Amino acid sequence: MAATDKFVTNLDWNLLRTFVVIVEEGGITAAATRLLRRQPTVSAALARLEAQLGGRLIDRGGGAFRLTAAGRALYRECADIYGTVAGLGDLTRAATRYLTGHVQILLASHVVTPILDRALTDFHRAFPDVTFEIRVATSRDVLRGVMDKTAPLGICLLNRRPARLQVEHIYREHFGFFCGPPHPLFGRRGLKVSDLRGCAAVSFDTDSMDDALRPVAAFRRDNELDHNVVGSSSHLEEVRRMIVCGLGIGPLPIHVVRADIEAGTLWRLPPYDAPPAVDIHLVTNPASRLSRAEEKFLATLQRGIAAASPAERTYDGAAPHDERPAAASGDGP
């Protein structure tokens, strides 16, 4: 017990926070940027923590960055520690009639739905003292954050249902293929899917058969559109930028880019009917201990999901009249 008490007394708890941020950001340089510290300071903090714990936590030689077994174990425990610490403030204010606290949401970059927007609006009106942090990440990182209990909830695409997480379907969106004004297909009508073969393409990092955008990847594979990818990003805004700038054709959620279509910034390409459909889900971890603010916001969002009809949760992928081919030419290859 004496040795344990000494270890707890001497441990600098701020080092644990630094370690968590290093893991979340995937490197010391990115962690230093997030923590607003110099890189040598963050490196020294990691070295001090390893010295206090008596073992290496991260293998970082030769440009590699991998958690050791000890590092993985410590990170799991830190996630629990910070989840508990985050709830302490709410526990001390539980008797008050005003709700305060902080809610973090992990979000895939192209989540656009009035269900989430209404939940944020209604919750803020009821509890204006609660603060929010919305962090954009890949769907895979959203799942990892919820699984590790570093985020109370996430909204993302799913390739398969994750074990130990609760999943609720929010809405279905459809991905169309688009090009920008510099592209030779821009403004052309009567196109078929076969006309897209051989064109350079851009897409999302998750556009693969083993990741979140599997339906899009399957369509490209089945129609031989997957051989010349010249650009990719995890953020919709950057995929859209590359399409608009003419780097290549690419997929985007149709309901998200309606304004671009109407403004003539993007041109819809085939398939015009039955474009790839992708489902967006709310994911939570039943093992997470949520603060009062997190519990109440989650309940608000879940009520909004339940109140929306299936039709309201399906965003149509049909093309407006002016996007369709001038003559019936088919969507097939």
C-alpha atoms as a PDB file:
ATOM      1  CA  MET A   1       0.000   0.000   0.000  1.00  0.00           C
ATOM      2  CA  ALA A   2       2.849   2.388   0.823  1.00  0.00           C
ATOM      3  CA  ALA A   3       4.346   1.918  -2.650  1.00  0.00           C
ATOM      4  CA  THR A   4       0.945   2.412  -4.265  1.00  0.00           C
ATOM      5  CA  ASP A   5       0.260   5.577  -2.289  1.00  0.00           C
ATOM      6  CA  LYS A   6       3.657   6.945  -3.239  1.00  0.00           C
ATOM      7  CA  PHE A   7       3.058   6.207  -6.922  1.00  0.00           C
ATOM      8  CA  VAL A   8      -0.360   7.927  -6.882  1.00  0.00           C
ATOM      9  CA  THR A   9       1.047  10.921  -4.988  1.00  0.00           C
ATOM     10  CA  ASN A  10       3.999  11.377  -7.364  1.00  0.00           C
ATOM     11  CA  LEU A  11       2.109  10.789 -10.608  1.00  0.00           C
ATOM     12  CA  ASP A  12       1.533  13.965 -12.604  1.00  0.00           C
ATOM     13  CA  TRP A  13      -2.044  13.550 -13.834  1.00  0.00           C
ATOM     14  CA  ASN A  14      -1.507  16.147 -16.558  1.00  0.00           C
ATOM     15  CA  LEU A  15       0.864  13.676 -18.202  1.00  0.00           C
ATOM     16  CA  LEU A  16      -2.039  11.264 -18.640  1.00  0.00           C
ATOM     17  CA  ARG A  17      -4.014  13.966 -20.443  1.00  0.00           C
ATOM     18  CA  THR A  18      -1.049  14.652 -22.713  1.00  0.00           C
ATOM     19  CA  PHE A  19      -0.751  10.933 -23.456  1.00  0.00           C
ATOM     20  CA  VAL A  20      -4.451  10.698 -24.368  1.00  0.00           C
ATOM     21  CA  VAL A  21      -4.151  13.619 -26.791  1.00  0.00           C
ATOM     22  CA  ILE A  22      -1.035  12.109 -28.394  1.00  0.00           C
ATOM     23  CA  VAL A  23      -2.940   8.875 -29.037  1.00  0.00           C
ATOM     24  CA  GLU A  24      -6.069  10.669 -30.282  1.00  0.00           C
ATOM     25  CA  GLU A  25      -4.062  12.846 -32.685  1.00  0.00           C
ATOM     26  CA  GLY A  26      -1.828  10.009 -33.849  1.00  0.00           C
ATOM     27  CA  GLY A  27       1.465  11.751 -33.185  1.00  0.00           C
ATOM     28  CA  ILE A  28       3.408  14.209 -31.067  1.00  0.00           C
ATOM     29  CA  THR A  29       3.406  17.046 -33.603  1.00  0.00           C
ATOM     30  CA  ALA A  30      -0.382  17.029 -34.016  1.00  0.00           C
ATOM     31  CA  ALA A  31      -0.815  16.697 -30.241  1.00  0.00           C
ATOM     32  CA  ALA A  32       1.415  19.713 -29.664  1.00  0.00           C
ATOM     33  CA  THR A  33      -0.745  21.759 -32.050  1.00  0.00           C
ATOM     34  CA  ARG A  34      -3.936  20.756 -30.243  1.00  0.00           C
ATOM     35  CA  LEU A  35      -2.439  21.394 -26.798  1.00  0.00           C
ATOM     36  CA  LEU A  36      -0.903  24.715 -27.904  1.00  0.00           C
ATOM     37  CA  ARG A  37       2.526  23.534 -26.761  1.00  0.00           C
ATOM     38  CA  ARG A  38       5.902  23.124 -28.401  1.00  0.00           C
ATOM     39  CA  GLN A  39       6.735  19.669 -29.782  1.00  0.00           C
ATOM     40  CA  PRO A  40       9.779  19.158 -27.478  1.00  0.00           C
ATOM     41  CA  THR A  41       7.554  19.902 -24.472  1.00  0.00           C
ATOM     42  CA  VAL A  42       5.077  17.209 -25.473  1.00  0.00           C
ATOM     43  CA  SER A  43       7.889  14.730 -26.209  1.00  0.00           C
ATOM     44  CA  ALA A  44       9.387  15.414 -22.791  1.00  0.00           C
ATOM     45  CA  ALA A  45       6.003  14.900 -21.111  1.00  0.00           C
ATOM     46  CA  LEU A  46       5.646  11.504 -22.772  1.00  0.00           C
ATOM     47  CA  ALA A  47       9.164  10.554 -21.692  1.00  0.00           C
ATOM     48  CA  ARG A  48       8.398  11.558 -18.087  1.00  0.00           C
ATOM     49  CA  LEU A  49       5.216   9.480 -18.062  1.00  0.00           C
ATOM     50  CA  GLU A  50       7.084   6.448 -19.418  1.00  0.00           C
ATOM     51  CA  ALA A  51       9.737   6.938 -16.745  1.00  0.00           C
ATOM     52  CA  GLN A  52       7.144   7.109 -13.977  1.00  0.00           C
ATOM     53  CA  LEU A  53       5.359   4.002 -15.268  1.00  0.00           C
ATOM     54  CA  GLY A  54       8.583   2.142 -15.929  1.00  0.00           C
ATOM     55  CA  GLY A  55       7.932   1.114 -19.509  1.00  0.00           C
ATOM     56  CA  ARG A  56       7.628   2.296 -23.107  1.00  0.00           C
ATOM     57  CA  LEU A  57       4.120   3.313 -24.161  1.00  0.00           C
ATOM     58  CA  ILE A  58       4.655   4.212 -27.823  1.00  0.00           C
ATOM     59  CA  ASP A  59       7.075   2.826 -30.396  1.00  0.00           C
ATOM     60  CA  ARG A  60       8.007   5.891 -32.414  1.00  0.00           C
ATOM     61  CA  GLY A  61      11.294   5.139 -34.117  1.00  0.00           C
ATOM     62  CA  GLY A  62      11.874   5.491 -37.844  1.00  0.00           C
ATOM     63  CA  GLY A  63       8.696   7.487 -38.427  1.00  0.00           C
ATOM     64  CA  ALA A  64       6.477   4.751 -36.976  1.00  0.00           C
ATOM     65  CA  PHE A  65       3.845   5.451 -34.344  1.00  0.00           C
ATOM     66  CA  ARG A  66       2.457   2.361 -32.624  1.00  0.00           C
ATOM     67  CA  LEU A  67       1.079   1.847 -29.153  1.00  0.00           C
ATOM     68  CA  THR A  68       2.783  -0.872 -27.158  1.00  0.00           C
ATOM     69  CA  ALA A  69       0.703  -3.360 -25.193  1.00  0.00           C
ATOM     70  CA  ALA A  70       1.274  -1.187 -22.107  1.00  0.00           C
ATOM     71  CA  GLY A  71       0.251   1.901 -24.064  1.00  0.00           C
ATOM     72  CA  ARG A  72      -2.986   0.299 -25.232  1.00  0.00           C
ATOM     73  CA  ALA A  73      -3.829  -0.803 -21.695  1.00  0.00           C
ATOM     74  CA  LEU A  74      -3.088   2.667 -20.294  1.00  0.00           C
ATOM     75  CA  TYR A  75      -5.170   4.367 -22.985  1.00  0.00           C
ATOM     76  CA  ARG A  76      -8.198   2.213 -22.172  1.00  0.00           C
ATOM     77  CA  GLU A  77      -7.895   3.116 -18.496  1.00  0.00           C
ATOM     78  CA  CYS A  78      -7.381   6.802 -19.270  1.00  0.00           C
ATOM     79  CA  ALA A  79     -10.615   6.806 -21.287  1.00  0.00           C
ATOM     80  CA  ASP A  80     -12.474   5.563 -18.200  1.00  0.00           C
ATOM     81  CA  ILE A  81     -10.680   8.039 -15.937  1.00  0.00           C
ATOM     82  CA  TYR A  82     -11.526  11.040 -18.082  1.00  0.00           C
ATOM     83  CA  GLY A  83     -15.103   9.889 -18.541  1.00  0.00           C
ATOM     84  CA  THR A  84     -15.464   9.817 -14.772  1.00  0.00           C
ATOM     85  CA  VAL A  85     -13.692  13.145 -14.253  1.00  0.00           C
ATOM     86  CA  ALA A  86     -15.855  14.789 -16.914  1.00  0.00           C
ATOM     87  CA  GLY A  87     -18.948  13.829 -14.944  1.00  0.00           C
ATOM     88  CA  LEU A  88     -17.769  15.172 -11.580  1.00  0.00           C
ATOM     89  CA  GLY A  89     -18.900  18.708 -12.239  1.00  0.00           C
ATOM     90  CA  ASP A  90     -22.401  17.569 -13.108  1.00  0.00           C
ATOM     91  CA  LEU A  91     -22.575  15.421  -9.994  1.00  0.00           C
ATOM     92  CA  THR A  92     -21.878  18.417  -7.771  1.00  0.00           C
ATOM     93  CA  ARG A  93     -24.557  20.449  -9.565  1.00  0.00           C
ATOM     94  CA  ALA A  94     -27.192  17.713  -9.655  1.00  0.00           C
ATOM     95  CA  ALA A  95     -29.310  19.464  -7.060  1.00  0.00           C
ATOM     96  CA  THR A  96     -29.558  22.692  -9.027  1.00  0.00           C
ATOM     97  CA  ARG A  97     -32.348  23.395 -11.482  1.00  0.00           C
ATOM     98  CA  TYR A  98     -29.966  24.695 -14.152  1.00  0.00           C
ATOM     99  CA  LEU A  99     -28.205  22.239 -16.440  1.00  0.00           C
ATOM    100  CA  THR A 100     -24.594  22.984 -17.293  1.00  0.00           C
ATOM    101  CA  GLY A 101     -21.862  20.851 -18.780  1.00  0.00           C
ATOM    102  CA  HIS A 102     -20.231  20.020 -22.066  1.00  0.00           C
ATOM    103  CA  VAL A 103     -21.292  17.684 -24.868  1.00  0.00           C
ATOM    104  CA  GLN A 104     -18.865  16.321 -27.450  1.00  0.00           C
ATOM    105  CA  ILE A 105     -20.168  14.838 -30.687  1.00  0.00           C
ATOM    106  CA  LEU A 106     -18.018  12.902 -33.147  1.00  0.00           C
ATOM    107  CA  LEU A 107     -19.386  13.407 -36.628  1.00  0.00           C
ATOM    108  CA  ALA A 108     -18.628  12.149 -40.112  1.00  0.00           C
ATOM    109  CA  SER A 109     -17.952  15.123 -42.382  1.00  0.00           C
ATOM    110  CA  HIS A 110     -21.012  14.852 -44.629  1.00  0.00           C
ATOM    111  CA  VAL A 111     -23.750  14.427 -42.015  1.00  0.00           C
ATOM    112  CA  VAL A 112     -26.493  16.849 -43.053  1.00  0.00           C
ATOM    113  CA  THR A 113     -29.922  16.244 -41.541  1.00  0.00           C
ATOM    114  CA  PRO A 114     -32.626  18.423 -39.984  1.00  0.00           C
ATOM    115  CA  ILE A 115     -33.006  15.779 -37.257  1.00  0.00           C
ATOM    116  CA  LEU A 116     -29.646  16.692 -35.739  1.00  0.00           C
ATOM    117  CA  ASP A 117     -30.176  20.399 -36.393  1.00  0.00           C
ATOM    118  CA  ARG A 118     -33.532  20.407 -34.587  1.00  0.00           C
ATOM    119  CA  ALA A 119     -32.044  18.500 -31.644  1.00  0.00           C
ATOM    120  CA  LEU A 120     -29.286  21.104 -31.269  1.00  0.00           C
ATOM    121  CA  THR A 121     -31.771  23.979 -31.555  1.00  0.00           C
ATOM    122  CA  ASP A 122     -34.287  22.542 -29.085  1.00  0.00           C
ATOM    123  CA  PHE A 123     -31.621  21.529 -26.582  1.00  0.00           C
ATOM    124  CA  HIS A 124     -29.891  24.912 -26.663  1.00  0.00           C
ATOM    125  CA  ARG A 125     -33.181  26.708 -26.086  1.00  0.00           C
ATOM    126  CA  ALA A 126     -33.862  24.532 -23.044  1.00  0.00           C
ATOM    127  CA  PHE A 127     -30.310  24.482 -21.667  1.00  0.00           C
ATOM    128  CA  PRO A 128     -28.375  27.504 -22.969  1.00  0.00           C
ATOM    129  CA  ASP A 129     -25.512  27.025 -20.483  1.00  0.00           C
ATOM    130  CA  VAL A 130     -24.452  23.677 -21.946  1.00  0.00           C
ATOM    131  CA  THR A 131     -21.514  23.956 -24.342  1.00  0.00           C
ATOM    132  CA  PHE A 132     -20.831  21.785 -27.394  1.00  0.00           C
ATOM    133  CA  GLU A 133     -17.829  20.501 -29.279  1.00  0.00           C
ATOM    134  CA  ILE A 134     -18.438  18.879 -32.669  1.00  0.00           C
ATOM    135  CA  ARG A 135     -15.385  17.079 -34.006  1.00  0.00           C
ATOM    136  CA  VAL A 136     -15.304  15.867 -37.606  1.00  0.00           C
ATOM    137  CA  ALA A 137     -13.614  12.513 -38.201  1.00  0.00           C
ATOM    138  CA  THR A 138     -13.750   9.517 -40.480  1.00  0.00           C
ATOM    139  CA  SER A 139     -16.499   7.027 -39.685  1.00  0.00           C
ATOM    140  CA  ARG A 140     -13.849   4.582 -38.498  1.00  0.00           C
ATOM    141  CA  ASP A 141     -12.460   7.142 -36.037  1.00  0.00           C
ATOM    142  CA  VAL A 142     -15.970   8.013 -34.860  1.00  0.00           C
ATOM    143  CA  LEU A 143     -16.536   4.361 -33.970  1.00  0.00           C
ATOM    144  CA  ARG A 144     -13.151   4.157 -32.267  1.00  0.00           C
ATOM    145  CA  GLY A 145     -13.884   7.221 -30.139  1.00  0.00           C
ATOM    146  CA  VAL A 146     -17.243   5.880 -28.985  1.00  0.00           C
ATOM    147  CA  MET A 147     -15.790   2.420 -28.378  1.00  0.00           C
ATOM    148  CA  ASP A 148     -12.929   3.894 -26.309  1.00  0.00           C
ATOM    149  CA  LYS A 149     -15.418   6.069 -24.378  1.00  0.00           C
ATOM    150  CA  THR A 150     -13.600   9.276 -25.264  1.00  0.00           C
ATOM    151  CA  ALA A 151     -16.817  10.565 -26.871  1.00  0.00           C
ATOM    152  CA  PRO A 152     -20.370  10.017 -25.595  1.00  0.00           C
ATOM    153  CA  LEU A 153     -21.944   9.649 -29.027  1.00  0.00           C
ATOM    154  CA  GLY A 154     -21.085   9.564 -32.685  1.00  0.00           C
ATOM    155  CA  ILE A 155     -22.901   9.904 -35.998  1.00  0.00           C
ATOM    156  CA  CYS A 156     -21.377   8.057 -38.917  1.00  0.00           C
ATOM    157  CA  LEU A 157     -21.619   5.511 -41.711  1.00  0.00           C
ATOM    158  CA  LEU A 158     -21.280   1.824 -40.934  1.00  0.00           C
ATOM    159  CA  ASN A 159     -19.861  -0.971 -43.033  1.00  0.00           C
ATOM    160  CA  ARG A 160     -20.892  -3.543 -40.432  1.00  0.00           C
ATOM    161  CA  ARG A 161     -22.655  -3.424 -37.086  1.00  0.00           C
ATOM    162  CA  PRO A 162     -20.043  -2.968 -34.339  1.00  0.00           C
ATOM    163  CA  ALA A 163     -20.005  -5.281 -31.347  1.00  0.00           C
ATOM    164  CA  ARG A 164     -20.778  -3.796 -27.922  1.00  0.00           C
ATOM    165  CA  LEU A 165     -22.142  -0.537 -29.338  1.00  0.00           C
ATOM    166  CA  GLN A 166     -25.759   0.570 -29.571  1.00  0.00           C
ATOM    167  CA  VAL A 167     -26.731   1.576 -33.107  1.00  0.00           C
ATOM    168  CA  GLU A 168     -29.778   3.597 -34.202  1.00  0.00           C
ATOM    169  CA  HIS A 169     -30.547   4.369 -37.826  1.00  0.00           C
ATOM    170  CA  ILE A 170     -31.019   8.092 -38.449  1.00  0.00           C
ATOM    171  CA  TYR A 171     -31.469   8.488 -42.190  1.00  0.00           C
ATOM    172  CA  ARG A 172     -30.607   7.181 -45.655  1.00  0.00           C
ATOM    173  CA  GLU A 173     -28.888   9.324 -48.253  1.00  0.00           C
ATOM    174  CA  HIS A 174     -28.022   8.688 -51.890  1.00  0.00           C
ATOM    175  CA  PHE A 175     -24.696   9.379 -53.560  1.00  0.00           C
ATOM    176  CA  GLY A 176     -24.662  10.790 -57.055  1.00  0.00           C
ATOM    177  CA  PHE A 177     -21.641  11.224 -59.302  1.00  0.00           C
ATOM    178  CA  PHE A 178     -20.645  14.743 -60.319  1.00  0.00           C
ATOM    179  CA  CYS A 179     -18.144  16.764 -62.305  1.00  0.00           C
ATOM    180  CA  GLY A 180     -17.142  20.440 -62.215  1.00  0.00           C
ATOM    181  CA  PRO A 181     -17.162  23.166 -64.895  1.00  0.00           C
ATOM    182  CA  PRO A 182     -13.612  22.412 -66.195  1.00  0.00           C
ATOM    183  CA  HIS A 183     -14.479  18.773 -66.900  1.00  0.00           C
ATOM    184  CA  PRO A 184     -15.286  17.733 -70.503  1.00  0.00           C
ATOM    185  CA  LEU A 185     -18.503  15.999 -69.366  1.00  0.00           C
ATOM    186  CA  PHE A 186     -19.851  19.144 -67.694  1.00  0.00           C
ATOM    187  CA  GLY A 187     -23.181  20.199 -69.212  1.00  0.00           C
ATOM    188  CA  ARG A 188     -23.510  17.124 -71.400  1.00  0.00           C
ATOM    189  CA  ARG A 189     -26.858  15.360 -71.501  1.00  0.00           C
ATOM    190  CA  GLY A 190     -27.745  11.870 -72.614  1.00  0.00           C
ATOM    191  CA  LEU A 191     -24.786  10.319 -70.824  1.00  0.00           C
ATOM    192  CA  LYS A 192     -24.602   6.683 -69.783  1.00  0.00           C
ATOM    193  CA  VAL A 193     -22.540   5.117 -67.015  1.00  0.00           C
ATOM    194  CA  SER A 194     -20.256   3.685 -69.689  1.00  0.00           C
ATOM    195  CA  ASP A 195     -19.346   7.261 -70.693  1.00  0.00           C
ATOM    196  CA  LEU A 196     -17.644   7.669 -67.302  1.00  0.00           C
ATOM    197  CA  ARG A 197     -15.162   4.847 -67.843  1.00  0.00           C
ATOM    198  CA  GLY A 198     -11.603   5.995 -68.165  1.00  0.00           C
ATOM    199  CA  CYS A 199     -12.298   9.338 -66.475  1.00  0.00           C
ATOM    200  CA  ALA A 200     -10.047  10.372 -63.616  1.00  0.00           C
ATOM    201  CA  ALA A 201     -11.881  10.174 -60.307  1.00  0.00           C
ATOM    202  CA  VAL A 202     -11.743  11.617 -56.804  1.00  0.00           C
ATOM    203  CA  SER A 203     -13.462  10.200 -53.760  1.00  0.00           C
ATOM    204  CA  PHE A 204     -13.522   9.734 -49.999  1.00  0.00           C
ATOM    205  CA  ASP A 205     -10.872   7.861 -48.025  1.00  0.00           C
ATOM    206  CA  THR A 206     -13.654   5.486 -46.931  1.00  0.00           C
ATOM    207  CA  ASP A 207     -14.683   4.655 -50.521  1.00  0.00           C
ATOM    208  CA  SER A 208     -13.566   1.017 -50.463  1.00  0.00           C
ATOM    209  CA  MET A 209     -15.150  -2.404 -50.212  1.00  0.00           C
ATOM    210  CA  ASP A 210     -14.077  -2.833 -46.572  1.00  0.00           C
ATOM    211  CA  ASP A 211     -15.028   0.619 -45.311  1.00  0.00           C
ATOM    212  CA  ALA A 212     -18.030   2.863 -44.725  1.00  0.00           C
ATOM    213  CA  LEU A 213     -18.753   3.798 -48.363  1.00  0.00           C
ATOM    214  CA  ARG A 214     -18.958   0.196 -49.542  1.00  0.00           C
ATOM    215  CA  PRO A 215     -22.137   0.822 -51.659  1.00  0.00           C
ATOM    216  CA  VAL A 216     -20.329   3.539 -53.634  1.00  0.00           C
ATOM    217  CA  ALA A 217     -17.209   1.393 -53.999  1.00  0.00           C
ATOM    218  CA  ALA A 218     -19.317  -1.563 -55.162  1.00  0.00           C
ATOM    219  CA  PHE A 219     -21.018   0.565 -57.818  1.00  0.00           C
ATOM    220  CA  ARG A 220     -17.684   1.865 -59.106  1.00  0.00           C
ATOM    221  CA  ARG A 221     -16.223  -1.648 -59.139  1.00  0.00           C
ATOM    222  CA  ASP A 222     -19.218  -3.196 -60.917  1.00  0.00           C
ATOM    223  CA  ASN A 223     -19.137  -0.476 -63.578  1.00  0.00           C
ATOM    224  CA  GLU A 224     -15.354  -0.373 -64.007  1.00  0.00           C
ATOM    225  CA  LEU A 225     -14.997   3.148 -62.613  1.00  0.00           C
ATOM    226  CA  ASP A 226     -12.370   2.378 -59.999  1.00  0.00           C
ATOM    227  CA  HIS A 227      -9.103   2.336 -61.949  1.00  0.00           C
ATOM    228  CA  ASN A 228      -7.949   5.969 -62.019  1.00  0.00           C
ATOM    229  CA  VAL A 229      -8.424   7.667 -58.621  1.00  0.00           C
ATOM    230  CA  VAL A 230      -6.307  10.839 -58.560  1.00  0.00           C
ATOM    231  CA  GLY A 231      -7.467  12.431 -55.306  1.00  0.00           C
ATOM    232  CA  SER A 232      -9.094  11.543 -51.994  1.00  0.00           C
ATOM    233  CA  SER A 233     -10.011  13.116 -48.669  1.00  0.00           C
ATOM    234  CA  SER A 234     -11.892  12.278 -45.493  1.00  0.00           C
ATOM    235  CA  HIS A 235     -13.804  15.584 -45.688  1.00  0.00           C
ATOM    236  CA  LEU A 236     -16.705  16.225 -48.030  1.00  0.00           C
ATOM    237  CA  GLU A 237     -15.669  19.837 -48.560  1.00  0.00           C
ATOM    238  CA  GLU A 238     -12.327  18.773 -49.992  1.00  0.00           C
ATOM    239  CA  VAL A 239     -13.792  16.047 -52.210  1.00  0.00           C
ATOM    240  CA  ARG A 240     -16.246  18.651 -53.501  1.00  0.00           C
ATOM    241  CA  ARG A 241     -13.352  21.111 -54.061  1.00  0.00           C
ATOM    242  CA  MET A 242     -11.446  18.599 -56.198  1.00  0.00           C
ATOM    243  CA  ILE A 243     -14.573  17.838 -58.254  1.00  0.00           C
ATOM    244  CA  VAL A 244     -15.396  21.522 -58.810  1.00  0.00           C
ATOM    245  CA  CYS A 245     -11.779  22.230 -59.811  1.00  0.00           C
ATOM    246  CA  GLY A 246     -11.929  19.538 -62.488  1.00  0.00           C
ATOM    247  CA  LEU A 247      -9.516  16.975 -61.038  1.00  0.00           C
ATOM    248  CA  GLY A 248     -12.004  14.228 -61.760  1.00  0.00           C
ATOM    249  CA  ILE A 249     -15.533  12.942 -61.341  1.00  0.00           C
ATOM    250  CA  GLY A 250     -16.605  11.926 -57.859  1.00  0.00           C
ATOM    251  CA  PRO A 251     -19.436  10.876 -55.534  1.00  0.00           C
ATOM    252  CA  LEU A 252     -21.262  13.278 -53.221  1.00  0.00           C
ATOM    253  CA  PRO A 253     -24.479  13.011 -51.175  1.00  0.00           C
ATOM    254  CA  ILE A 254     -27.120  14.455 -53.486  1.00  0.00           C
ATOM    255  CA  HIS A 255     -29.175  16.254 -50.851  1.00  0.00           C
ATOM    256  CA  VAL A 256     -26.056  17.924 -49.459  1.00  0.00           C
ATOM    257  CA  VAL A 257     -25.020  19.521 -52.775  1.00  0.00           C
ATOM    258  CA  ARG A 258     -28.452  20.549 -54.119  1.00  0.00           C
ATOM    259  CA  ALA A 259     -27.481  24.221 -53.976  1.00  0.00           C
ATOM    260  CA  ASP A 260     -24.340  23.528 -56.023  1.00  0.00           C
ATOM    261  CA  ILE A 261     -26.392  21.687 -58.633  1.00  0.00           C
ATOM    262  CA  GLU A 262     -28.883  24.546 -58.891  1.00  0.00           C
ATOM    263  CA  ALA A 263     -26.075  27.130 -59.052  1.00  0.00           C
ATOM    264  CA  GLY A 264     -24.305  25.265 -61.856  1.00  0.00           C
ATOM    265  CA  THR A 265     -21.201  24.577 -59.774  1.00  0.00           C
ATOM    266  CA  LEU A 266     -21.675  20.804 -60.065  1.00  0.00           C
ATOM    267  CA  TRP A 267     -23.101  18.736 -62.926  1.00  0.00           C
ATOM    268  CA  ARG A 268     -24.932  15.518 -62.147  1.00  0.00           C
ATOM    269  CA  LEU A 269     -23.690  12.432 -64.003  1.00  0.00           C
ATOM    270  CA  PRO A 270     -25.291   8.987 -64.303  1.00  0.00           C
ATOM    271  CA  PRO A 271     -26.657   6.889 -62.735  1.00  0.00           C
ATOM    272  CA  TYR A 272     -29.735   9.082 -62.647  1.00  0.00           C
ATOM    273  CA  ASP A 273     -31.926   6.339 -61.210  1.00  0.00           C
ATOM    274  CA  ALA A 274     -31.194   4.158 -58.169  1.00  0.00           C
ATOM    275  CA  PRO A 275     -27.896   5.781 -57.153  1.00  0.00           C
ATOM    276  CA  PRO A 276     -25.919   4.109 -54.337  1.00  0.00           C
ATOM    277  CA  ALA A 277     -27.682   4.401 -50.968  1.00  0.00           C
ATOM    278  CA  VAL A 278     -25.808   4.869 -47.687  1.00  0.00           C
ATOM    279  CA  ASP A 279     -27.245   4.764 -44.160  1.00  0.00           C
ATOM    280  CA  ILE A 280     -26.214   7.150 -41.381  1.00  0.00           C
ATOM    281  CA  HIS A 281     -26.355   5.938 -37.779  1.00  0.00           C
ATOM    282  CA  LEU A 282     -26.173   7.187 -34.216  1.00  0.00           C
ATOM    283  CA  VAL A 283     -23.724   5.084 -32.190  1.00  0.00           C
ATOM    284  CA  THR A 284     -23.373   5.047 -28.409  1.00  0.00           C
ATOM    285  CA  ASN A 285     -21.557   2.866 -25.905  1.00  0.00           C
ATOM    286  CA  PRO A 286     -23.766   1.316 -23.201  1.00  0.00           C
ATOM    287  CA  ALA A 287     -20.655   0.980 -21.018  1.00  0.00           C
ATOM    288  CA  SER A 288     -19.977   4.742 -21.037  1.00  0.00           C
ATOM    289  CA  ARG A 289     -20.855   6.824 -18.007  1.00  0.00           C
ATOM    290  CA  LEU A 290     -22.511   9.933 -19.423  1.00  0.00           C
ATOM    291  CA  SER A 291     -22.812  13.297 -17.742  1.00  0.00           C
ATOM    292  CA  ARG A 292     -26.263  14.772 -17.177  1.00  0.00           C
ATOM    293  CA  ALA A 293     -25.802  17.110 -20.135  1.00  0.00           C
ATOM    294  CA  GLU A 294     -24.776  14.222 -22.384  1.00  0.00           C
ATOM    295  CA  GLU A 295     -27.680  12.063 -21.217  1.00  0.00           C
ATOM    296  CA  LYS A 296     -30.218  14.821 -21.840  1.00  0.00           C
ATOM    297  CA  PHE A 297     -28.859  15.724 -25.265  1.00  0.00           C
ATOM    298  CA  LEU A 298     -28.769  12.064 -26.300  1.00  0.00           C
ATOM    299  CA  ALA A 299     -32.393  11.687 -25.190  1.00  0.00           C
ATOM    300  CA  THR A 300     -33.341  14.808 -27.180  1.00  0.00           C
ATOM    301  CA  LEU A 301     -31.681  13.450 -30.312  1.00  0.00           C
ATOM    302  CA  GLN A 302     -33.250  10.003 -29.889  1.00  0.00           C
ATOM    303  CA  ARG A 303     -36.716  11.534 -29.514  1.00  0.00           C
ATOM    304  CA  GLY A 304     -36.146  13.455 -32.725  1.00  0.00           C
ATOM    305  CA  ILE A 305     -35.132  10.296 -34.559  1.00  0.00           C
ATOM    306  CA  ALA A 306     -38.165   8.404 -33.269  1.00  0.00           C
ATOM    307  CA  ALA A 307     -40.527  11.244 -34.202  1.00  0.00           C
ATOM    308  CA  ALA A 308     -39.429  11.363 -37.842  1.00  0.00           C
ATOM    309  CA  SER A 309     -41.291   9.104 -40.249  1.00  0.00           C
ATOM    310  CA  PRO A 310     -39.417   6.710 -42.562  1.00  0.00           C
ATOM    311  CA  ALA A 311     -40.146   9.047 -45.482  1.00  0.00           C
ATOM    312  CA  GLU A 312     -38.660  11.993 -43.585  1.00  0.00           C
ATOM    313  CA  ARG A 313     -35.544   9.921 -42.914  1.00  0.00           C
ATOM    314  CA  THR A 314     -34.916   9.001 -46.560  1.00  0.00           C
ATOM    315  CA  TYR A 315     -33.387  11.690 -48.735  1.00  0.00           C
ATOM    316  CA  ASP A 316     -34.429  11.068 -52.303  1.00  0.00           C
ATOM    317  CA  GLY A 317     -31.708  10.440 -54.859  1.00  0.00           C
ATOM    318  CA  ALA A 318     -33.842  11.079 -57.945  1.00  0.00           C
ATOM    319  CA  ALA A 319     -32.530  13.683 -60.350  1.00  0.00           C
ATOM    320  CA  PRO A 320     -34.544  16.844 -61.066  1.00  0.00           C
ATOM    321  CA  HIS A 321     -35.873  17.161 -64.598  1.00  0.00           C
ATOM    322  CA  ASP A 322     -32.989  19.301 -65.868  1.00  0.00           C
ATOM    323  CA  GLU A 323     -30.385  16.764 -64.744  1.00  0.00           C
ATOM    324  CA  ARG A 324     -31.863  13.860 -66.675  1.00  0.00           C
ATOM    325  CA  PRO A 325     -30.654  12.793 -70.123  1.00  0.00           C
ATOM    326  CA  ALA A 326     -32.156  14.648 -73.074  1.00  0.00           C
ATOM    327  CA  ALA A 327     -33.237  11.330 -74.552  1.00  0.00           C
ATOM    328  CA  ALA A 328     -33.805   7.939 -72.963  1.00  0.00           C
ATOM    329  CA  SER A 329     -30.387   6.362 -73.078  1.00  0.00           C
ATOM    330  CA  GLY A 330     -30.357   4.085 -70.056  1.00  0.00           C
ATOM    331  CA  ASP A 331     -28.169   4.101 -66.993  1.00  0.00           C
ATOM    332  CA  GLY A 332     -26.503   0.781 -67.617  1.00  0.00           C
ATOM    333  CA  PRO A 333     -22.965   0.184 -68.716  1.00  0.00           C
END
